[in-house]
Amino acid sequence: MKKSPPVPTPLPILQRQFRPRVQRVCRLIEPAALFNGIVLVVAAFLVTARFILQPGVSVTLPEAPFHEGAPYGALVVTLSQEGFVFFNDTRMTLDDLRAAFAQARHDQPGASLVIEADARVSSGTLVNIYNMARAAGIQQVLIASRLPAPVEVKP
């Protein structure tokens, strides 16, 4: 067997290491970049947040011990104590409501109607709106209510 020739090892004198003149300190995050990132996140939050309250009418719904859910996408009529009538967030009179029901029935066949009436609205007004909805062809008319507050029993 032949022996292989030995591998020459480099001389330590010939090995050179390159070192930069200025050594940099490795930081995790530059302070200016961190500040810019925080400002961008806060700006995005301010742009997307809703600080303005939606206009609306205060309605105190009557209490009922039972509850059923209203179908998603239902038409909504809101009756306030002052006599204001809103249909899908648009204020209108009772005469305009009849035409709005017919148009809504044409646009959304099979949609149900939810009546959100204040507890102090007369039952005659509720029946009148119910009759208008049924005459327009709306098959399901629901009256919104809220669950009664739980009674706390003190020992």
Protein backbone atom coordinates (compact mmCIF):
# COMPACT_ATOMS: atom_id res chain seq x y z
CA MET A 1 0.00 0.00 0.00
CA LYS A 2 1.09 3.37 -0.85
CA LYS A 3 0.96 6.15 1.61
CA SER A 4 -0.66 9.35 0.49
CA PRO A 5 1.48 12.41 0.70
CA PRO A 6 0.82 14.60 3.74
CA VAL A 7 -1.46 17.61 3.26
CA PRO A 8 0.48 20.79 3.68
CA THR A 9 -0.78 22.98 6.50
CA PRO A 10 -0.76 26.71 5.97
CA LEU A 11 1.76 28.63 7.90
CA PRO A 12 0.33 30.81 10.65
CA ILE A 13 2.21 33.74 9.26
CA LEU A 14 0.29 33.61 5.99
CA GLN A 15 -3.16 33.61 7.58
CA ARG A 16 -4.65 37.05 7.72
CA GLN A 17 -7.72 38.20 9.59
CA PHE A 18 -9.59 41.26 8.42
CA ARG A 19 -10.88 43.51 11.14
CA PRO A 20 -12.84 46.67 10.49
CA ARG A 21 -11.42 49.86 11.86
CA VAL A 22 -14.69 50.86 13.51
CA GLN A 23 -16.58 48.23 15.36
CA ARG A 24 -20.37 48.61 15.36
CA VAL A 25 -22.45 47.96 18.39
CA CYS A 26 -25.29 45.63 17.47
CA ARG A 27 -28.58 47.03 18.78
CA LEU A 28 -31.86 45.21 18.66
CA ILE A 29 -33.91 48.07 17.20
CA GLU A 30 -32.89 51.56 16.28
CA PRO A 31 -34.76 54.13 18.44
CA ALA A 32 -35.85 56.19 15.43
CA ALA A 33 -37.30 53.13 13.67
CA LEU A 34 -39.11 52.09 16.85
CA PHE A 35 -40.59 55.57 17.23
CA ASN A 36 -41.73 55.59 13.57
CA GLY A 37 -43.38 52.22 14.03
CA ILE A 38 -45.25 53.35 17.13
CA VAL A 39 -46.45 56.52 15.38
CA LEU A 40 -47.75 54.48 12.43
CA VAL A 41 -49.65 52.08 14.69
CA VAL A 42 -51.24 54.94 16.65
CA ALA A 43 -52.17 56.77 13.42
CA ALA A 44 -53.79 53.62 12.02
CA PHE A 45 -55.77 53.19 15.23
CA LEU A 46 -56.99 56.79 15.16
CA VAL A 47 -58.05 56.55 11.52
CA THR A 48 -60.01 53.31 11.97
CA ALA A 49 -61.55 54.04 15.40
CA ARG A 50 -65.09 55.34 15.62
CA PHE A 51 -65.14 58.26 18.00
CA ILE A 52 -68.31 59.80 16.60
CA LEU A 53 -71.55 58.52 18.03
CA GLN A 54 -74.16 57.36 15.57
CA PRO A 55 -77.30 59.50 15.64
CA GLY A 56 -80.33 57.74 16.95
CA VAL A 57 -83.54 57.90 18.90
CA SER A 58 -83.81 56.54 22.41
CA VAL A 59 -86.40 53.76 22.57
CA THR A 60 -87.30 51.88 25.75
CA LEU A 61 -88.45 48.46 24.61
CA PRO A 62 -91.08 46.65 26.65
CA GLU A 63 -89.98 43.69 28.76
CA ALA A 64 -90.94 40.11 27.96
CA PRO A 65 -89.85 36.93 29.78
CA PHE A 66 -89.43 35.00 26.51
CA HIS A 67 -87.14 35.73 23.62
CA GLU A 68 -86.72 34.62 20.05
CA GLY A 69 -84.14 35.81 17.61
CA ALA A 70 -84.94 38.01 14.68
CA PRO A 71 -83.68 36.80 11.31
CA TYR A 72 -80.56 38.44 9.92
CA GLY A 73 -81.25 41.21 7.41
CA ALA A 74 -84.76 41.91 8.67
CA LEU A 75 -86.46 45.21 7.92
CA VAL A 76 -86.72 47.44 11.00
CA VAL A 77 -89.38 50.00 11.93
CA THR A 78 -88.60 52.12 15.00
CA LEU A 79 -91.33 54.05 16.80
CA SER A 80 -90.32 56.61 19.40
CA GLN A 81 -92.41 57.97 22.25
CA GLU A 82 -92.49 61.37 20.54
CA GLY A 83 -94.21 59.87 17.49
CA PHE A 84 -91.20 59.68 15.17
CA VAL A 85 -91.22 56.78 12.73
CA PHE A 86 -88.00 55.39 11.25
CA PHE A 87 -87.82 52.68 8.60
CA ASN A 88 -84.33 51.22 8.11
CA ASP A 89 -82.79 54.36 9.70
CA THR A 90 -84.77 56.76 7.50
CA ARG A 91 -87.29 59.08 9.12
CA MET A 92 -90.69 59.11 7.46
CA THR A 93 -94.38 59.57 8.10
CA LEU A 94 -96.95 56.81 8.42
CA ASP A 95 -98.22 57.62 4.92
CA ASP A 96 -94.73 57.22 3.45
CA LEU A 97 -94.31 53.98 5.36
CA ARG A 98 -96.92 52.18 3.27
CA ALA A 99 -95.00 52.91 0.04
CA ALA A 100 -91.69 52.01 1.71
CA PHE A 101 -93.09 48.62 2.76
CA ALA A 102 -94.19 47.90 -0.80
CA GLN A 103 -90.77 48.88 -2.19
CA ALA A 104 -88.95 46.82 0.45
CA ARG A 105 -91.16 43.80 -0.31
CA HIS A 106 -90.25 44.17 -3.99
CA ASP A 107 -86.51 44.52 -3.24
CA GLN A 108 -86.31 41.79 -0.58
CA PRO A 109 -89.01 39.18 -1.05
CA GLY A 110 -89.37 36.96 1.98
CA ALA A 111 -87.81 39.48 4.38
CA SER A 112 -89.38 39.81 7.81
CA LEU A 113 -90.19 43.05 9.63
CA VAL A 114 -89.16 43.89 13.19
CA ILE A 115 -91.10 46.64 14.97
CA GLU A 116 -89.05 48.35 17.68
CA ALA A 117 -91.63 50.42 19.54
CA ASP A 118 -91.19 52.36 22.74
CA ALA A 119 -93.15 50.90 25.64
CA ARG A 120 -95.31 54.05 25.73
CA VAL A 121 -96.44 53.82 22.08
CA SER A 122 -100.14 53.00 21.82
CA SER A 123 -101.20 49.56 20.70
CA GLY A 124 -103.35 51.19 18.01
CA THR A 125 -100.23 52.50 16.28
CA LEU A 126 -98.62 49.05 16.46
CA VAL A 127 -101.69 47.40 14.93
CA ASN A 128 -101.81 50.07 12.21
CA ILE A 129 -98.19 49.38 11.22
CA TYR A 130 -98.77 45.63 11.40
CA ASN A 131 -101.73 45.94 9.06
CA MET A 132 -99.71 48.09 6.60
CA ALA A 133 -96.92 45.51 6.54
CA ARG A 134 -99.29 42.62 5.95
CA ALA A 135 -101.11 44.57 3.21
CA ALA A 136 -97.74 45.16 1.50
CA GLY A 137 -97.09 41.40 1.49
CA ILE A 138 -94.64 41.05 4.38
CA GLN A 139 -95.45 37.65 5.89
CA GLN A 140 -93.52 37.76 9.17
CA VAL A 141 -93.90 40.74 11.50
CA LEU A 142 -92.12 40.67 14.88
CA ILE A 143 -92.35 43.04 17.82
CA ALA A 144 -89.01 43.66 19.55
CA SER A 145 -88.77 43.35 23.32
CA ARG A 146 -86.04 43.06 25.91
CA LEU A 147 -85.50 40.55 28.66
CA PRO A 148 -86.35 41.76 32.17
CA ALA A 149 -83.44 42.61 34.41
CA PRO A 150 -82.46 39.72 36.69
CA VAL A 151 -83.75 40.06 40.23
CA GLU A 152 -81.02 39.95 42.85
CA VAL A 153 -81.89 37.99 45.95
CA LYS A 154 -80.21 39.31 49.07
CA PRO A 155 -79.58 36.82 51.87
